[in-house]
Structure formats: C-alpha cells, structure tokens
Amino acid sequence: MQIILVEAIIVLFLICITIAVMASVDLFACTILFCAFSFCAVMTYLVFGSPDVAFTEAVIGTMSTVFFAVALKSVDRFATGSRKKTKEKKKMTKSQKRSLIEKVATGIVLAVICVAFCSATKFLPEIGDADSAPNSHVSNYYIEHSKEDTGANNIVSGTLADYRGYDTMFETSVMFVSGLVVTLILIHGTGKMDMPEILGHKKKKDEEKKEE
C-alpha cells in the first residue's frame, strides 16, 4: 500500500511538471522543470528496485540540465516572440500543417503504446512475489552458479560485469559520453578554448591575425 501511494505521488508530480513545462514561456524555467522531471524519474526507478538505472538517469538528467543551461546563452530566454508571430498569422502554411499532423500522429502513437504497456502490466507478477520467475528461478541460478560462471567472489559484481555485461557497458558508455560532451560545452562557453581547437584544428581567425 505504501509503494502504491509513493507511485501515485510521483506520477502526480510528473503530470504537474509536464503541464508546467507546456504552459511556461521561460526556457530557463523549463530547464529547471526538466531537472525536476528527471529527479521524479530517478525516484520511480528506485521504487521499482532499479538503482543502476536510477543512477544512470541521475547522471543523464544532470548533464542534460547543464547542456540546456549553456545552450540558453545563445537563444532568447523567453519564447514570447514566436507566439506573437503565430497569432498574427491567420492561415497556416503547408509546413505548419505538416508539423501539426506529425505532432498529432506522434501523440496518438505514444498514447497507443502507453495504453498497450499499461494493459500488459496486469500479466506481470506483483512486486516482491516470491513465486515469480525471477525470484524462483533466475535469482537462485545466479546465487548458485555465479562463482562458477563468472569467477567473481561477489555475486553483484559477477551479475553486473558478466550476466548483465552489455547493459553495464552501454550504461557506462552513455555516462562517459554525456560527461565528455558537457565538459566540452563548458570549456567552449568559458572562452578559453573552443571546439575547433579541441579537435586539433586551427581557427581561420588566428590565421588571419598572424597574416596581419
């Protein structure tokens, strides 16, 4: 009962954050709300017993927030100008109609997928069910054969590095790439170094200065 209550609170927060993002015209506020949405997702993964996925989401959410915050330096923080322009136009252009159709179609597809997933949950065992397949077969196999199959003394280490090796590898790769991208963006934003210099190329402006 307590888990269901926590899930309901998290879902309520997610819905409120989504509505707030759609209604806000301040891009900086949207960035902060996105960070809050990521935090709620982390809490959801923790409730369902997936701390590794929660850790990955926390890293990606933090990196994405930094990325958006730096990107705001190059754009208008308030998106009021575009709305005024769209209000002045009475007729929609072909590109706007196509974009609207694509958005509606995407929303319908996502809604169908969401309903399908929610309908499939009734066939899943309850959380913590001792008679479920993962608890009655898979877990016992890992406990009994982890040392023999992986050679690791620690069952958790053997599971993450061997049984779930690909999952761990890609999670680590995602975190590494995210950290690398944010580091490059921050270095570029400080003005000390920019992307062409990081990649080992010379800037045209520097060459022009040398020629002068």
C-alpha atoms as a PDB file:
ATOM      1  CA  MET A   1       0.000   0.000   0.000  1.00  0.00           C
ATOM      2  CA  GLN A   2       2.850   2.377   0.835  1.00  0.00           C
ATOM      3  CA  ILE A   3       4.567   1.661  -2.502  1.00  0.00           C
ATOM      4  CA  ILE A   4       1.339   2.370  -4.403  1.00  0.00           C
ATOM      5  CA  LEU A   5       0.952   5.671  -2.537  1.00  0.00           C
ATOM      6  CA  VAL A   6       4.522   6.697  -3.384  1.00  0.00           C
ATOM      7  CA  GLU A   7       3.980   5.755  -7.030  1.00  0.00           C
ATOM      8  CA  ALA A   8       0.777   7.814  -7.148  1.00  0.00           C
ATOM      9  CA  ILE A   9       2.548  10.853  -5.683  1.00  0.00           C
ATOM     10  CA  ILE A  10       5.428  10.561  -8.169  1.00  0.00           C
ATOM     11  CA  VAL A  11       3.037  10.194 -11.123  1.00  0.00           C
ATOM     12  CA  LEU A  12       1.097  13.237  -9.908  1.00  0.00           C
ATOM     13  CA  PHE A  13       4.321  15.250  -9.749  1.00  0.00           C
ATOM     14  CA  LEU A  14       5.276  14.098 -13.262  1.00  0.00           C
ATOM     15  CA  ILE A  15       1.905  15.190 -14.651  1.00  0.00           C
ATOM     16  CA  CYS A  16       2.117  18.583 -12.921  1.00  0.00           C
ATOM     17  CA  ILE A  17       5.668  19.142 -14.175  1.00  0.00           C
ATOM     18  CA  THR A  18       4.654  18.214 -17.728  1.00  0.00           C
ATOM     19  CA  ILE A  19       1.745  20.677 -17.671  1.00  0.00           C
ATOM     20  CA  ALA A  20       4.006  23.386 -16.219  1.00  0.00           C
ATOM     21  CA  VAL A  21       6.574  22.859 -18.994  1.00  0.00           C
ATOM     22  CA  MET A  22       3.885  23.125 -21.673  1.00  0.00           C
ATOM     23  CA  ALA A  23       2.464  26.320 -20.152  1.00  0.00           C
ATOM     24  CA  SER A  24       5.762  28.070 -19.439  1.00  0.00           C
ATOM     25  CA  VAL A  25       7.313  30.563 -21.866  1.00  0.00           C
ATOM     26  CA  ASP A  26      10.524  30.881 -19.845  1.00  0.00           C
ATOM     27  CA  LEU A  27      13.101  28.456 -21.241  1.00  0.00           C
ATOM     28  CA  PHE A  28      15.201  28.653 -18.080  1.00  0.00           C
ATOM     29  CA  ALA A  29      12.176  27.646 -16.000  1.00  0.00           C
ATOM     30  CA  CYS A  30      11.574  24.773 -18.430  1.00  0.00           C
ATOM     31  CA  THR A  31      15.167  23.645 -17.886  1.00  0.00           C
ATOM     32  CA  ILE A  32      14.691  23.578 -14.111  1.00  0.00           C
ATOM     33  CA  LEU A  33      11.393  21.734 -14.523  1.00  0.00           C
ATOM     34  CA  PHE A  34      13.140  19.223 -16.767  1.00  0.00           C
ATOM     35  CA  CYS A  35      15.644  18.611 -13.968  1.00  0.00           C
ATOM     36  CA  ALA A  36      12.745  18.077 -11.541  1.00  0.00           C
ATOM     37  CA  PHE A  37      11.155  15.644 -14.006  1.00  0.00           C
ATOM     38  CA  SER A  38      14.418  13.699 -14.147  1.00  0.00           C
ATOM     39  CA  PHE A  39      14.513  13.598 -10.340  1.00  0.00           C
ATOM     40  CA  CYS A  40      10.993  12.132 -10.241  1.00  0.00           C
ATOM     41  CA  ALA A  41      12.072   9.531 -12.800  1.00  0.00           C
ATOM     42  CA  VAL A  42      15.016   8.627 -10.556  1.00  0.00           C
ATOM     43  CA  MET A  43      12.643   8.147  -7.625  1.00  0.00           C
ATOM     44  CA  THR A  44      10.419   5.948  -9.806  1.00  0.00           C
ATOM     45  CA  TYR A  45      13.332   3.672 -10.708  1.00  0.00           C
ATOM     46  CA  LEU A  46      14.334   3.433  -7.048  1.00  0.00           C
ATOM     47  CA  VAL A  47      10.802   2.464  -6.033  1.00  0.00           C
ATOM     48  CA  PHE A  48      10.843  -0.335  -8.604  1.00  0.00           C
ATOM     49  CA  GLY A  49      14.202  -1.587  -7.316  1.00  0.00           C
ATOM     50  CA  SER A  50      16.480  -0.465 -10.166  1.00  0.00           C
ATOM     51  CA  PRO A  51      19.227   1.614  -8.534  1.00  0.00           C
ATOM     52  CA  ASP A  52      21.583   1.190 -11.503  1.00  0.00           C
ATOM     53  CA  VAL A  53      19.028   2.673 -13.912  1.00  0.00           C
ATOM     54  CA  ALA A  54      18.269   5.401 -11.365  1.00  0.00           C
ATOM     55  CA  PHE A  55      21.961   6.291 -11.180  1.00  0.00           C
ATOM     56  CA  THR A  56      22.189   6.487 -14.971  1.00  0.00           C
ATOM     57  CA  GLU A  57      19.090   8.691 -15.139  1.00  0.00           C
ATOM     58  CA  ALA A  58      20.534  10.957 -12.437  1.00  0.00           C
ATOM     59  CA  VAL A  59      23.755  11.410 -14.402  1.00  0.00           C
ATOM     60  CA  ILE A  60      21.972  11.975 -17.721  1.00  0.00           C
ATOM     61  CA  GLY A  61      19.485  14.378 -16.120  1.00  0.00           C
ATOM     62  CA  THR A  62      22.274  16.425 -14.559  1.00  0.00           C
ATOM     63  CA  MET A  63      24.273  16.512 -17.781  1.00  0.00           C
ATOM     64  CA  SER A  64      21.219  17.477 -19.829  1.00  0.00           C
ATOM     65  CA  THR A  65      20.376  20.293 -17.420  1.00  0.00           C
ATOM     66  CA  VAL A  66      23.880  21.718 -17.772  1.00  0.00           C
ATOM     67  CA  PHE A  67      23.664  21.325 -21.547  1.00  0.00           C
ATOM     68  CA  PHE A  68      20.361  23.231 -21.743  1.00  0.00           C
ATOM     69  CA  ALA A  69      21.582  25.924 -19.342  1.00  0.00           C
ATOM     70  CA  VAL A  70      24.650  26.582 -21.507  1.00  0.00           C
ATOM     71  CA  ALA A  71      22.549  26.491 -24.686  1.00  0.00           C
ATOM     72  CA  LEU A  72      20.299  29.239 -23.281  1.00  0.00           C
ATOM     73  CA  LYS A  73      23.198  31.668 -23.662  1.00  0.00           C
ATOM     74  CA  SER A  74      22.742  31.530 -27.439  1.00  0.00           C
ATOM     75  CA  VAL A  75      18.942  31.838 -27.637  1.00  0.00           C
ATOM     76  CA  ASP A  76      16.191  34.097 -26.371  1.00  0.00           C
ATOM     77  CA  ARG A  77      15.173  33.022 -22.880  1.00  0.00           C
ATOM     78  CA  PHE A  78      11.531  33.958 -23.333  1.00  0.00           C
ATOM     79  CA  ALA A  79       9.589  32.366 -26.194  1.00  0.00           C
ATOM     80  CA  THR A  80       7.007  35.129 -26.455  1.00  0.00           C
ATOM     81  CA  GLY A  81       8.100  36.491 -29.811  1.00  0.00           C
ATOM     82  CA  SER A  82       7.329  33.326 -31.720  1.00  0.00           C
ATOM     83  CA  ARG A  83       3.854  33.144 -30.168  1.00  0.00           C
ATOM     84  CA  LYS A  84       3.044  36.707 -31.192  1.00  0.00           C
ATOM     85  CA  LYS A  85       4.062  35.962 -34.745  1.00  0.00           C
ATOM     86  CA  THR A  86       1.900  32.857 -34.896  1.00  0.00           C
ATOM     87  CA  LYS A  87      -1.093  34.774 -33.544  1.00  0.00           C
ATOM     88  CA  GLU A  88      -0.770  37.384 -36.258  1.00  0.00           C
ATOM     89  CA  LYS A  89      -0.907  34.742 -38.980  1.00  0.00           C
ATOM     90  CA  LYS A  90      -4.461  33.640 -39.651  1.00  0.00           C
ATOM     91  CA  LYS A  91      -3.715  30.950 -42.209  1.00  0.00           C
ATOM     92  CA  MET A  92      -1.354  28.081 -41.566  1.00  0.00           C
ATOM     93  CA  THR A  93       1.321  27.339 -44.106  1.00  0.00           C
ATOM     94  CA  LYS A  94       1.900  23.879 -45.544  1.00  0.00           C
ATOM     95  CA  SER A  95       4.926  23.317 -43.331  1.00  0.00           C
ATOM     96  CA  GLN A  96       2.930  24.292 -40.235  1.00  0.00           C
ATOM     97  CA  LYS A  97       0.101  21.954 -41.205  1.00  0.00           C
ATOM     98  CA  ARG A  98       2.569  19.145 -41.809  1.00  0.00           C
ATOM     99  CA  SER A  99       4.231  19.812 -38.464  1.00  0.00           C
ATOM    100  CA  LEU A 100       0.858  19.795 -36.713  1.00  0.00           C
ATOM    101  CA  ILE A 101      -0.111  16.497 -38.352  1.00  0.00           C
ATOM    102  CA  GLU A 102       3.223  14.948 -37.352  1.00  0.00           C
ATOM    103  CA  LYS A 103       2.783  16.078 -33.747  1.00  0.00           C
ATOM    104  CA  VAL A 104      -0.767  14.731 -33.555  1.00  0.00           C
ATOM    105  CA  ALA A 105       0.285  11.425 -35.142  1.00  0.00           C
ATOM    106  CA  THR A 106       3.213  11.124 -32.737  1.00  0.00           C
ATOM    107  CA  GLY A 107       0.926  11.811 -29.784  1.00  0.00           C
ATOM    108  CA  ILE A 108      -1.538   9.147 -30.947  1.00  0.00           C
ATOM    109  CA  VAL A 109       1.227   6.564 -31.422  1.00  0.00           C
ATOM    110  CA  LEU A 110       2.686   7.297 -27.982  1.00  0.00           C
ATOM    111  CA  ALA A 111      -0.780   7.091 -26.414  1.00  0.00           C
ATOM    112  CA  VAL A 112      -1.397   3.691 -28.043  1.00  0.00           C
ATOM    113  CA  ILE A 113       1.994   2.412 -26.850  1.00  0.00           C
ATOM    114  CA  CYS A 114       1.314   3.711 -23.336  1.00  0.00           C
ATOM    115  CA  VAL A 115      -2.095   2.002 -23.224  1.00  0.00           C
ATOM    116  CA  ALA A 116      -0.568  -1.241 -24.536  1.00  0.00           C
ATOM    117  CA  PHE A 117       2.147  -1.210 -21.875  1.00  0.00           C
ATOM    118  CA  CYS A 118      -0.327  -0.385 -19.117  1.00  0.00           C
ATOM    119  CA  SER A 119      -2.591  -3.214 -20.289  1.00  0.00           C
ATOM    120  CA  ALA A 120       0.341  -5.644 -20.276  1.00  0.00           C
ATOM    121  CA  THR A 121       1.175  -4.904 -16.638  1.00  0.00           C
ATOM    122  CA  LYS A 122      -1.782  -6.976 -15.442  1.00  0.00           C
ATOM    123  CA  PHE A 123       0.016 -10.089 -16.721  1.00  0.00           C
ATOM    124  CA  LEU A 124       3.156  -9.292 -14.714  1.00  0.00           C
ATOM    125  CA  PRO A 125       3.704 -10.716 -11.222  1.00  0.00           C
ATOM    126  CA  GLU A 126       3.338  -8.446  -8.228  1.00  0.00           C
ATOM    127  CA  ILE A 127       6.411  -6.671  -6.902  1.00  0.00           C
ATOM    128  CA  GLY A 128       8.200  -8.912  -4.410  1.00  0.00           C
ATOM    129  CA  ASP A 129       6.230 -12.036  -5.354  1.00  0.00           C
ATOM    130  CA  ALA A 130       8.327 -14.992  -4.149  1.00  0.00           C
ATOM    131  CA  ASP A 131       6.711 -17.345  -6.685  1.00  0.00           C
ATOM    132  CA  SER A 132       7.528 -15.193  -9.721  1.00  0.00           C
ATOM    133  CA  ALA A 133      10.009 -16.474 -12.312  1.00  0.00           C
ATOM    134  CA  PRO A 134      12.817 -14.015 -11.449  1.00  0.00           C
ATOM    135  CA  ASN A 135      12.651 -14.878  -7.740  1.00  0.00           C
ATOM    136  CA  SER A 136      12.073 -18.621  -8.076  1.00  0.00           C
ATOM    137  CA  HIS A 137      14.405 -19.465 -10.992  1.00  0.00           C
ATOM    138  CA  VAL A 138      16.702 -16.672 -12.166  1.00  0.00           C
ATOM    139  CA  SER A 139      17.842 -15.423  -8.758  1.00  0.00           C
ATOM    140  CA  ASN A 140      18.546 -18.933  -7.497  1.00  0.00           C
ATOM    141  CA  TYR A 141      20.613 -19.710 -10.585  1.00  0.00           C
ATOM    142  CA  TYR A 142      22.696 -16.552 -10.126  1.00  0.00           C
ATOM    143  CA  ILE A 143      23.299 -17.341  -6.461  1.00  0.00           C
ATOM    144  CA  GLU A 144      24.288 -20.962  -7.086  1.00  0.00           C
ATOM    145  CA  HIS A 145      26.354 -20.574 -10.287  1.00  0.00           C
ATOM    146  CA  SER A 146      27.751 -17.030 -10.102  1.00  0.00           C
ATOM    147  CA  LYS A 147      31.146 -18.128  -8.784  1.00  0.00           C
ATOM    148  CA  GLU A 148      31.436 -20.908 -11.360  1.00  0.00           C
ATOM    149  CA  ASP A 149      30.203 -18.914 -14.380  1.00  0.00           C
ATOM    150  CA  THR A 150      31.840 -15.534 -13.751  1.00  0.00           C
ATOM    151  CA  GLY A 151      34.770 -16.305 -11.463  1.00  0.00           C
ATOM    152  CA  ALA A 152      33.840 -13.345  -9.240  1.00  0.00           C
ATOM    153  CA  ASN A 153      33.668 -13.747  -5.476  1.00  0.00           C
ATOM    154  CA  ASN A 154      30.959 -11.087  -5.246  1.00  0.00           C
ATOM    155  CA  ILE A 155      27.587 -12.036  -6.753  1.00  0.00           C
ATOM    156  CA  VAL A 156      26.652  -8.422  -7.512  1.00  0.00           C
ATOM    157  CA  SER A 157      29.933  -7.796  -9.331  1.00  0.00           C
ATOM    158  CA  GLY A 158      29.529 -11.014 -11.307  1.00  0.00           C
ATOM    159  CA  THR A 159      25.972 -10.102 -12.284  1.00  0.00           C
ATOM    160  CA  LEU A 160      26.830  -6.564 -13.412  1.00  0.00           C
ATOM    161  CA  ALA A 161      30.056  -7.461 -15.202  1.00  0.00           C
ATOM    162  CA  ASP A 162      29.045 -10.800 -16.745  1.00  0.00           C
ATOM    163  CA  TYR A 163      25.350 -11.673 -16.769  1.00  0.00           C
ATOM    164  CA  ARG A 164      24.443  -8.044 -17.483  1.00  0.00           C
ATOM    165  CA  GLY A 165      27.713  -7.118 -19.147  1.00  0.00           C
ATOM    166  CA  TYR A 166      26.238  -5.442 -22.230  1.00  0.00           C
ATOM    167  CA  ASP A 167      23.777  -3.426 -20.158  1.00  0.00           C
ATOM    168  CA  THR A 168      26.542  -2.214 -17.853  1.00  0.00           C
ATOM    169  CA  MET A 169      28.828  -1.443 -20.795  1.00  0.00           C
ATOM    170  CA  PHE A 170      26.267   0.739 -22.558  1.00  0.00           C
ATOM    171  CA  GLU A 171      25.246   2.498 -19.332  1.00  0.00           C
ATOM    172  CA  THR A 172      28.890   3.339 -18.669  1.00  0.00           C
ATOM    173  CA  SER A 173      29.344   4.495 -22.272  1.00  0.00           C
ATOM    174  CA  VAL A 174      26.316   6.781 -22.043  1.00  0.00           C
ATOM    175  CA  MET A 175      27.588   8.362 -18.825  1.00  0.00           C
ATOM    176  CA  PHE A 176      31.085   8.802 -20.266  1.00  0.00           C
ATOM    177  CA  VAL A 177      29.842  10.415 -23.487  1.00  0.00           C
ATOM    178  CA  SER A 178      27.460  12.684 -21.558  1.00  0.00           C
ATOM    179  CA  GLY A 179      30.233  13.845 -19.248  1.00  0.00           C
ATOM    180  CA  LEU A 180      32.578  14.405 -22.183  1.00  0.00           C
ATOM    181  CA  VAL A 181      30.012  16.463 -24.118  1.00  0.00           C
ATOM    182  CA  VAL A 182      29.163  18.646 -21.121  1.00  0.00           C
ATOM    183  CA  THR A 183      32.869  19.178 -20.408  1.00  0.00           C
ATOM    184  CA  LEU A 184      33.467  20.311 -23.988  1.00  0.00           C
ATOM    185  CA  ILE A 185      30.447  22.618 -23.836  1.00  0.00           C
ATOM    186  CA  LEU A 186      31.603  24.196 -20.583  1.00  0.00           C
ATOM    187  CA  ILE A 187      35.127  24.679 -21.930  1.00  0.00           C
ATOM    188  CA  HIS A 188      33.693  26.243 -25.063  1.00  0.00           C
ATOM    189  CA  GLY A 189      31.432  28.518 -23.021  1.00  0.00           C
ATOM    190  CA  THR A 190      34.271  29.935 -20.926  1.00  0.00           C
ATOM    191  CA  GLY A 191      36.033  31.271 -23.989  1.00  0.00           C
ATOM    192  CA  LYS A 192      39.333  29.629 -23.045  1.00  0.00           C
ATOM    193  CA  MET A 193      39.062  27.013 -25.737  1.00  0.00           C
ATOM    194  CA  ASP A 194      36.591  26.279 -28.499  1.00  0.00           C
ATOM    195  CA  MET A 195      35.609  23.159 -30.392  1.00  0.00           C
ATOM    196  CA  PRO A 196      37.978  23.515 -33.383  1.00  0.00           C
ATOM    197  CA  GLU A 197      40.947  23.891 -31.031  1.00  0.00           C
ATOM    198  CA  ILE A 198      39.876  20.869 -29.021  1.00  0.00           C
ATOM    199  CA  LEU A 199      39.727  18.793 -32.190  1.00  0.00           C
ATOM    200  CA  GLY A 200      43.231  19.912 -33.147  1.00  0.00           C
ATOM    201  CA  HIS A 201      42.293  22.299 -35.952  1.00  0.00           C
ATOM    202  CA  LYS A 202      43.378  25.898 -36.298  1.00  0.00           C
ATOM    203  CA  LYS A 203      40.895  28.681 -36.493  1.00  0.00           C
ATOM    204  CA  LYS A 204      40.699  30.882 -39.541  1.00  0.00           C
ATOM    205  CA  LYS A 205      40.666  33.973 -37.360  1.00  0.00           C
ATOM    206  CA  ASP A 206      44.001  33.063 -35.822  1.00  0.00           C
ATOM    207  CA  GLU A 207      45.485  32.585 -39.265  1.00  0.00           C
ATOM    208  CA  GLU A 208      44.187  35.979 -40.368  1.00  0.00           C
ATOM    209  CA  LYS A 209      45.701  37.632 -37.306  1.00  0.00           C
ATOM    210  CA  LYS A 210      49.063  36.027 -38.000  1.00  0.00           C
ATOM    211  CA  GLU A 211      48.974  37.231 -41.594  1.00  0.00           C
ATOM    212  CA  GLU A 212      48.250  40.783 -40.433  1.00  0.00           C
END
